[in-house]
């Protein structure tokens, strides 16, 4: 089970929030002992891009020796 403050990787795109698979977020709340997770995704400048409720199947812990990759996010309409 993931815990609050754990860093996680998104497994699939969430277009309505401008998120793509591989984006890194942080768990900010654990629902009902792991039934779901509130995950905050932030830009590198510290701006919150989205806070999304996700299932464990939609995220995974960061693995050893992974490297981050920067990308520009779409502007909100």
PDB file of N, CA and C in Angstrom:
ATOM      1  N   UNK A   1       0.852  -1.189   0.000  1.00  0.00           N
ATOM      2  CA  UNK A   1       0.000   0.000   0.000  1.00  0.00           C
ATOM      3  C   UNK A   1       0.890   1.243   0.000  1.00  0.00           C
ATOM      4  N   UNK A   2       0.460   2.239  -0.722  1.00  0.00           N
ATOM      5  CA  UNK A   2       1.156   3.524  -0.752  1.00  0.00           C
ATOM      6  C   UNK A   2       0.771   4.349   0.467  1.00  0.00           C
ATOM      7  N   UNK A   3       1.626   5.278   0.828  1.00  0.00           N
ATOM      8  CA  UNK A   3       1.375   6.153   1.972  1.00  0.00           C
ATOM      9  C   UNK A   3       1.404   7.610   1.516  1.00  0.00           C
ATOM     10  N   UNK A   4       0.851   8.486   2.357  1.00  0.00           N
ATOM     11  CA  UNK A   4       0.920   9.917   2.060  1.00  0.00           C
ATOM     12  C   UNK A   4       2.374  10.332   1.897  1.00  0.00           C
ATOM     13  N   UNK A   5       2.615  11.205   0.952  1.00  0.00           N
ATOM     14  CA  UNK A   5       3.930  11.758   0.600  1.00  0.00           C
ATOM     15  C   UNK A   5       4.755  10.839  -0.289  1.00  0.00           C
ATOM     16  N   UNK A   6       4.282   9.631  -0.580  1.00  0.00           N
ATOM     17  CA  UNK A   6       4.991   8.773  -1.531  1.00  0.00           C
ATOM     18  C   UNK A   6       4.919   9.399  -2.922  1.00  0.00           C
ATOM     19  N   UNK A   7       6.023   9.329  -3.660  1.00  0.00           N
ATOM     20  CA  UNK A   7       6.025   9.766  -5.051  1.00  0.00           C
ATOM     21  C   UNK A   7       5.589   8.596  -5.915  1.00  0.00           C
ATOM     22  N   UNK A   8       4.758   8.899  -6.915  1.00  0.00           N
ATOM     23  CA  UNK A   8       4.210   7.854  -7.776  1.00  0.00           C
ATOM     24  C   UNK A   8       4.288   8.290  -9.243  1.00  0.00           C
ATOM     25  N   UNK A   9       4.166   7.285 -10.114  1.00  0.00           N
ATOM     26  CA  UNK A   9       4.181   7.508 -11.553  1.00  0.00           C
ATOM     27  C   UNK A   9       2.816   7.135 -12.111  1.00  0.00           C
ATOM     28  N   UNK A  10       2.264   8.003 -12.948  1.00  0.00           N
ATOM     29  CA  UNK A  10       0.981   7.746 -13.595  1.00  0.00           C
ATOM     30  C   UNK A  10       1.155   6.682 -14.669  1.00  0.00           C
ATOM     31  N   UNK A  11       0.256   5.689 -14.699  1.00  0.00           N
ATOM     32  CA  UNK A  11       0.354   4.584 -15.661  1.00  0.00           C
ATOM     33  C   UNK A  11      -0.326   4.879 -16.997  1.00  0.00           C
ATOM     34  N   UNK A  12      -1.304   5.789 -17.023  1.00  0.00           N
ATOM     35  CA  UNK A  12      -2.030   6.060 -18.269  1.00  0.00           C
ATOM     36  C   UNK A  12      -2.394   7.540 -18.346  1.00  0.00           C
ATOM     37  N   UNK A  13      -2.702   7.979 -19.545  1.00  0.00           N
ATOM     38  CA  UNK A  13      -3.054   9.388 -19.763  1.00  0.00           C
ATOM     39  C   UNK A  13      -4.383   9.738 -19.089  1.00  0.00           C
ATOM     40  N   UNK A  14      -4.463  10.974 -18.605  1.00  0.00           N
ATOM     41  CA  UNK A  14      -5.721  11.540 -18.113  1.00  0.00           C
ATOM     42  C   UNK A  14      -5.875  12.888 -18.813  1.00  0.00           C
ATOM     43  N   UNK A  15      -6.398  12.875 -20.052  1.00  0.00           N
ATOM     44  CA  UNK A  15      -6.426  14.079 -20.885  1.00  0.00           C
ATOM     45  C   UNK A  15      -7.186  15.261 -20.268  1.00  0.00           C
ATOM     46  N   UNK A  16      -8.244  14.976 -19.516  1.00  0.00           N
ATOM     47  CA  UNK A  16      -9.034  16.075 -18.941  1.00  0.00           C
ATOM     48  C   UNK A  16      -8.241  16.885 -17.914  1.00  0.00           C
ATOM     49  N   UNK A  17      -7.129  16.346 -17.450  1.00  0.00           N
ATOM     50  CA  UNK A  17      -6.263  17.058 -16.504  1.00  0.00           C
ATOM     51  C   UNK A  17      -4.887  17.358 -17.111  1.00  0.00           C
ATOM     52  N   UNK A  18      -4.744  17.123 -18.423  1.00  0.00           N
ATOM     53  CA  UNK A  18      -3.488  17.383 -19.141  1.00  0.00           C
ATOM     54  C   UNK A  18      -2.339  16.534 -18.587  1.00  0.00           C
ATOM     55  N   UNK A  19      -2.645  15.331 -18.117  1.00  0.00           N
ATOM     56  CA  UNK A  19      -1.636  14.428 -17.570  1.00  0.00           C
ATOM     57  C   UNK A  19      -1.384  13.296 -18.550  1.00  0.00           C
ATOM     58  N   UNK A  20      -0.123  12.854 -18.621  1.00  0.00           N
ATOM     59  CA  UNK A  20       0.216  11.741 -19.506  1.00  0.00           C
ATOM     60  C   UNK A  20       0.953  10.667 -18.703  1.00  0.00           C
ATOM     61  N   UNK A  21       0.876   9.450 -19.195  1.00  0.00           N
ATOM     62  CA  UNK A  21       1.576   8.336 -18.553  1.00  0.00           C
ATOM     63  C   UNK A  21       3.038   8.714 -18.354  1.00  0.00           C
ATOM     64  N   UNK A  22       3.543   8.433 -17.176  1.00  0.00           N
ATOM     65  CA  UNK A  22       4.915   8.777 -16.843  1.00  0.00           C
ATOM     66  C   UNK A  22       5.036  10.025 -15.989  1.00  0.00           C
ATOM     67  N   UNK A  23       3.973  10.831 -15.912  1.00  0.00           N
ATOM     68  CA  UNK A  23       4.016  12.010 -15.046  1.00  0.00           C
ATOM     69  C   UNK A  23       4.173  11.573 -13.593  1.00  0.00           C
ATOM     70  N   UNK A  24       4.901  12.375 -12.835  1.00  0.00           N
ATOM     71  CA  UNK A  24       5.200  12.061 -11.442  1.00  0.00           C
ATOM     72  C   UNK A  24       4.337  12.917 -10.531  1.00  0.00           C
ATOM     73  N   UNK A  25       3.748  12.279  -9.529  1.00  0.00           N
ATOM     74  CA  UNK A  25       2.925  12.993  -8.553  1.00  0.00           C
ATOM     75  C   UNK A  25       3.267  12.536  -7.147  1.00  0.00           C
ATOM     76  N   UNK A  26       2.594  13.148  -6.187  1.00  0.00           N
ATOM     77  CA  UNK A  26       2.781  12.789  -4.784  1.00  0.00           C
ATOM     78  C   UNK A  26       1.431  12.470  -4.165  1.00  0.00           C
ATOM     79  N   UNK A  27       1.376  11.390  -3.416  1.00  0.00           N
ATOM     80  CA  UNK A  27       0.149  11.015  -2.717  1.00  0.00           C
ATOM     81  C   UNK A  27      -0.079  12.029  -1.597  1.00  0.00           C
ATOM     82  N   UNK A  28      -1.251  12.670  -1.606  1.00  0.00           N
ATOM     83  CA  UNK A  28      -1.564  13.645  -0.558  1.00  0.00           C
ATOM     84  C   UNK A  28      -2.643  13.138   0.393  1.00  0.00           C
ATOM     85  N   UNK A  29      -3.335  12.057   0.012  1.00  0.00           N
ATOM     86  CA  UNK A  29      -4.352  11.479   0.895  1.00  0.00           C
ATOM     87  C   UNK A  29      -4.612  10.041   0.468  1.00  0.00           C
ATOM     88  N   UNK A  30      -4.747   9.158   1.435  1.00  0.00           N
ATOM     89  CA  UNK A  30      -5.072   7.754   1.175  1.00  0.00           C
ATOM     90  C   UNK A  30      -6.507   7.510   1.621  1.00  0.00           C
ATOM     91  N   UNK A  31      -7.357   7.049   0.696  1.00  0.00           N
ATOM     92  CA  UNK A  31      -8.757   6.758   0.999  1.00  0.00           C
ATOM     93  C   UNK A  31      -8.904   5.322   1.493  1.00  0.00           C
ATOM     94  N   UNK A  32      -9.624   5.123   2.560  1.00  0.00           N
ATOM     95  CA  UNK A  32     -10.052   3.813   3.067  1.00  0.00           C
ATOM     96  C   UNK A  32      -8.979   2.730   2.936  1.00  0.00           C
ATOM     97  N   UNK A  33      -7.845   2.960   3.561  1.00  0.00           N
ATOM     98  CA  UNK A  33      -6.764   1.968   3.618  1.00  0.00           C
ATOM     99  C   UNK A  33      -6.297   1.521   2.237  1.00  0.00           C
ATOM    100  N   UNK A  34      -6.272   2.442   1.276  1.00  0.00           N
ATOM    101  CA  UNK A  34      -5.756   2.128  -0.054  1.00  0.00           C
ATOM    102  C   UNK A  34      -6.801   1.886  -1.118  1.00  0.00           C
ATOM    103  N   UNK A  35      -8.071   2.143  -0.822  1.00  0.00           N
ATOM    104  CA  UNK A  35      -9.119   1.982  -1.837  1.00  0.00           C
ATOM    105  C   UNK A  35      -8.959   3.007  -2.953  1.00  0.00           C
ATOM    106  N   UNK A  36      -8.320   4.103  -2.672  1.00  0.00           N
ATOM    107  CA  UNK A  36      -8.068   5.155  -3.650  1.00  0.00           C
ATOM    108  C   UNK A  36      -7.044   6.123  -3.087  1.00  0.00           C
ATOM    109  N   UNK A  37      -6.522   6.981  -3.965  1.00  0.00           N
ATOM    110  CA  UNK A  37      -5.472   7.910  -3.565  1.00  0.00           C
ATOM    111  C   UNK A  37      -5.711   9.273  -4.195  1.00  0.00           C
ATOM    112  N   UNK A  38      -5.556  10.334  -3.406  1.00  0.00           N
ATOM    113  CA  UNK A  38      -5.515  11.682  -3.958  1.00  0.00           C
ATOM    114  C   UNK A  38      -4.057  11.927  -4.308  1.00  0.00           C
ATOM    115  N   UNK A  39      -3.796  12.266  -5.562  1.00  0.00           N
ATOM    116  CA  UNK A  39      -2.424  12.483  -6.019  1.00  0.00           C
ATOM    117  C   UNK A  39      -2.312  13.883  -6.596  1.00  0.00           C
ATOM    118  N   UNK A  40      -1.312  14.621  -6.133  1.00  0.00           N
ATOM    119  CA  UNK A  40      -1.053  15.971  -6.632  1.00  0.00           C
ATOM    120  C   UNK A  40       0.067  15.900  -7.662  1.00  0.00           C
ATOM    121  N   UNK A  41      -0.190  16.497  -8.815  1.00  0.00           N
ATOM    122  CA  UNK A  41       0.803  16.614  -9.875  1.00  0.00           C
ATOM    123  C   UNK A  41       1.184  18.078  -9.978  1.00  0.00           C
ATOM    124  N   UNK A  42       2.502  18.338  -9.959  1.00  0.00           N
ATOM    125  CA  UNK A  42       2.989  19.713  -9.951  1.00  0.00           C
ATOM    126  C   UNK A  42       3.957  19.938 -11.098  1.00  0.00           C
ATOM    127  N   UNK A  43       3.960  21.179 -11.609  1.00  0.00           N
ATOM    128  CA  UNK A  43       4.982  21.587 -12.569  1.00  0.00           C
ATOM    129  C   UNK A  43       6.292  21.783 -11.809  1.00  0.00           C
ATOM    130  N   UNK A  44       7.387  21.818 -12.516  1.00  0.00           N
ATOM    131  CA  UNK A  44       8.689  21.957 -11.873  1.00  0.00           C
ATOM    132  C   UNK A  44       8.855  23.288 -11.157  1.00  0.00           C
ATOM    133  N   UNK A  45       8.035  24.291 -11.503  1.00  0.00           N
ATOM    134  CA  UNK A  45       8.105  25.584 -10.803  1.00  0.00           C
ATOM    135  C   UNK A  45       7.261  25.607  -9.538  1.00  0.00           C
ATOM    136  N   UNK A  46       6.633  24.477  -9.191  1.00  0.00           N
ATOM    137  CA  UNK A  46       5.848  24.375  -7.963  1.00  0.00           C
ATOM    138  C   UNK A  46       4.360  24.581  -8.132  1.00  0.00           C
ATOM    139  N   UNK A  47       3.913  24.961  -9.327  1.00  0.00           N
ATOM    140  CA  UNK A  47       2.480  25.172  -9.567  1.00  0.00           C
ATOM    141  C   UNK A  47       1.758  23.831  -9.614  1.00  0.00           C
ATOM    142  N   UNK A  48       0.658  23.724  -8.882  1.00  0.00           N
ATOM    143  CA  UNK A  48      -0.152  22.509  -8.939  1.00  0.00           C
ATOM    144  C   UNK A  48      -0.854  22.444 -10.284  1.00  0.00           C
ATOM    145  N   UNK A  49      -0.680  21.337 -10.981  1.00  0.00           N
ATOM    146  CA  UNK A  49      -1.326  21.110 -12.270  1.00  0.00           C
ATOM    147  C   UNK A  49      -2.684  20.458 -12.055  1.00  0.00           C
ATOM    148  N   UNK A  50      -2.730  19.461 -11.159  1.00  0.00           N
ATOM    149  CA  UNK A  50      -3.982  18.751 -10.892  1.00  0.00           C
ATOM    150  C   UNK A  50      -3.853  17.964  -9.588  1.00  0.00           C
ATOM    151  N   UNK A  51      -4.974  17.818  -8.925  1.00  0.00           N
ATOM    152  CA  UNK A  51      -5.107  16.885  -7.810  1.00  0.00           C
ATOM    153  C   UNK A  51      -6.224  15.937  -8.216  1.00  0.00           C
ATOM    154  N   UNK A  52      -5.873  14.669  -8.345  1.00  0.00           N
ATOM    155  CA  UNK A  52      -6.771  13.693  -8.942  1.00  0.00           C
ATOM    156  C   UNK A  52      -6.940  12.493  -8.013  1.00  0.00           C
ATOM    157  N   UNK A  53      -8.157  11.969  -7.926  1.00  0.00           N
ATOM    158  CA  UNK A  53      -8.409  10.737  -7.187  1.00  0.00           C
ATOM    159  C   UNK A  53      -8.164   9.566  -8.126  1.00  0.00           C
ATOM    160  N   UNK A  54      -7.271   8.672  -7.723  1.00  0.00           N
ATOM    161  CA  UNK A  54      -6.870   7.560  -8.582  1.00  0.00           C
ATOM    162  C   UNK A  54      -6.915   6.238  -7.827  1.00  0.00           C
ATOM    163  N   UNK A  55      -7.058   5.159  -8.583  1.00  0.00           N
ATOM    164  CA  UNK A  55      -6.959   3.811  -8.040  1.00  0.00           C
ATOM    165  C   UNK A  55      -5.513   3.353  -8.119  1.00  0.00           C
ATOM    166  N   UNK A  56      -5.158   2.363  -7.323  1.00  0.00           N
ATOM    167  CA  UNK A  56      -3.793   1.844  -7.337  1.00  0.00           C
ATOM    168  C   UNK A  56      -3.393   1.375  -8.731  1.00  0.00           C
ATOM    169  N   UNK A  57      -4.332   0.824  -9.503  1.00  0.00           N
ATOM    170  CA  UNK A  57      -4.023   0.341 -10.854  1.00  0.00           C
ATOM    171  C   UNK A  57      -3.600   1.478 -11.792  1.00  0.00           C
ATOM    172  N   UNK A  58      -3.908   2.731 -11.440  1.00  0.00           N
ATOM    173  CA  UNK A  58      -3.576   3.868 -12.298  1.00  0.00           C
ATOM    174  C   UNK A  58      -2.223   4.493 -11.981  1.00  0.00           C
ATOM    175  N   UNK A  59      -1.600   4.081 -10.880  1.00  0.00           N
ATOM    176  CA  UNK A  59      -0.318   4.636 -10.469  1.00  0.00           C
ATOM    177  C   UNK A  59       0.599   3.515 -10.006  1.00  0.00           C
ATOM    178  N   UNK A  60       1.876   3.851  -9.895  1.00  0.00           N
ATOM    179  CA  UNK A  60       2.839   2.893  -9.360  1.00  0.00           C
ATOM    180  C   UNK A  60       3.915   3.665  -8.621  1.00  0.00           C
ATOM    181  N   UNK A  61       4.580   3.022  -7.682  1.00  0.00           N
ATOM    182  CA  UNK A  61       5.678   3.703  -6.996  1.00  0.00           C
ATOM    183  C   UNK A  61       6.824   3.974  -7.969  1.00  0.00           C
ATOM    184  N   UNK A  62       7.620   4.962  -7.674  1.00  0.00           N
ATOM    185  CA  UNK A  62       8.811   5.223  -8.464  1.00  0.00           C
ATOM    186  C   UNK A  62       9.808   4.089  -8.215  1.00  0.00           C
ATOM    187  N   UNK A  63      10.364   3.574  -9.294  1.00  0.00           N
ATOM    188  CA  UNK A  63      11.315   2.464  -9.190  1.00  0.00           C
ATOM    189  C   UNK A  63      12.734   2.998  -9.006  1.00  0.00           C
ATOM    190  N   UNK A  64      13.573   2.167  -8.501  1.00  0.00           N
ATOM    191  CA  UNK A  64      14.981   2.501  -8.320  1.00  0.00           C
ATOM    192  C   UNK A  64      15.611   2.806  -9.683  1.00  0.00           C
ATOM    193  N   UNK A  65      16.426   3.822  -9.738  1.00  0.00           N
ATOM    194  CA  UNK A  65      17.201   4.222 -10.910  1.00  0.00           C
ATOM    195  C   UNK A  65      16.353   4.720 -12.070  1.00  0.00           C
ATOM    196  N   UNK A  66      15.179   5.257 -11.806  1.00  0.00           N
ATOM    197  CA  UNK A  66      14.406   5.920 -12.863  1.00  0.00           C
ATOM    198  C   UNK A  66      14.871   7.367 -12.946  1.00  0.00           C
ATOM    199  N   UNK A  67      14.687   7.960 -14.107  1.00  0.00           N
ATOM    200  CA  UNK A  67      15.069   9.350 -14.311  1.00  0.00           C
ATOM    201  C   UNK A  67      13.849  10.132 -14.784  1.00  0.00           C
ATOM    202  N   UNK A  68      13.709  11.352 -14.305  1.00  0.00           N
ATOM    203  CA  UNK A  68      12.574  12.199 -14.698  1.00  0.00           C
ATOM    204  C   UNK A  68      12.827  12.826 -16.065  1.00  0.00           C
ATOM    205  N   UNK A  69      11.766  13.226 -16.741  1.00  0.00           N
ATOM    206  CA  UNK A  69      11.837  13.860 -18.047  1.00  0.00           C
ATOM    207  C   UNK A  69      10.898  15.065 -18.025  1.00  0.00           C
ATOM    208  N   UNK A  70      11.363  16.221 -18.442  1.00  0.00           N
ATOM    209  CA  UNK A  70      10.535  17.432 -18.422  1.00  0.00           C
ATOM    210  C   UNK A  70       9.752  17.570 -19.730  1.00  0.00           C
ATOM    211  N   UNK A  71       8.521  18.128 -19.618  1.00  0.00           N
ATOM    212  CA  UNK A  71       7.683  18.440 -20.785  1.00  0.00           C
ATOM    213  C   UNK A  71       6.828  19.643 -20.444  1.00  0.00           C
ATOM    214  N   UNK A  72       6.407  20.376 -21.459  1.00  0.00           N
ATOM    215  CA  UNK A  72       5.462  21.468 -21.249  1.00  0.00           C
ATOM    216  C   UNK A  72       4.065  20.892 -21.153  1.00  0.00           C
ATOM    217  N   UNK A  73       3.229  21.490 -20.294  1.00  0.00           N
ATOM    218  CA  UNK A  73       1.841  21.027 -20.191  1.00  0.00           C
ATOM    219  C   UNK A  73       0.942  21.938 -21.000  1.00  0.00           C
ATOM    220  N   UNK A  74      -0.175  21.397 -21.435  1.00  0.00           N
ATOM    221  CA  UNK A  74      -1.153  22.188 -22.193  1.00  0.00           C
ATOM    222  C   UNK A  74      -1.752  23.245 -21.268  1.00  0.00           C
ATOM    223  N   UNK A  75      -2.060  24.394 -21.818  1.00  0.00           N
ATOM    224  CA  UNK A  75      -2.713  25.452 -21.065  1.00  0.00           C
ATOM    225  C   UNK A  75      -4.185  25.113 -20.876  1.00  0.00           C
ATOM    226  N   UNK A  76      -4.705  25.395 -19.689  1.00  0.00           N
ATOM    227  CA  UNK A  76      -6.135  25.170 -19.420  1.00  0.00           C
ATOM    228  C   UNK A  76      -6.961  26.104 -20.280  1.00  0.00           C
ATOM    229  N   UNK A  77      -8.077  25.613 -20.766  1.00  0.00           N
ATOM    230  CA  UNK A  77      -8.948  26.418 -21.646  1.00  0.00           C
ATOM    231  C   UNK A  77      -9.747  27.427 -20.858  1.00  0.00           C
TER     232      UNK A  77
END
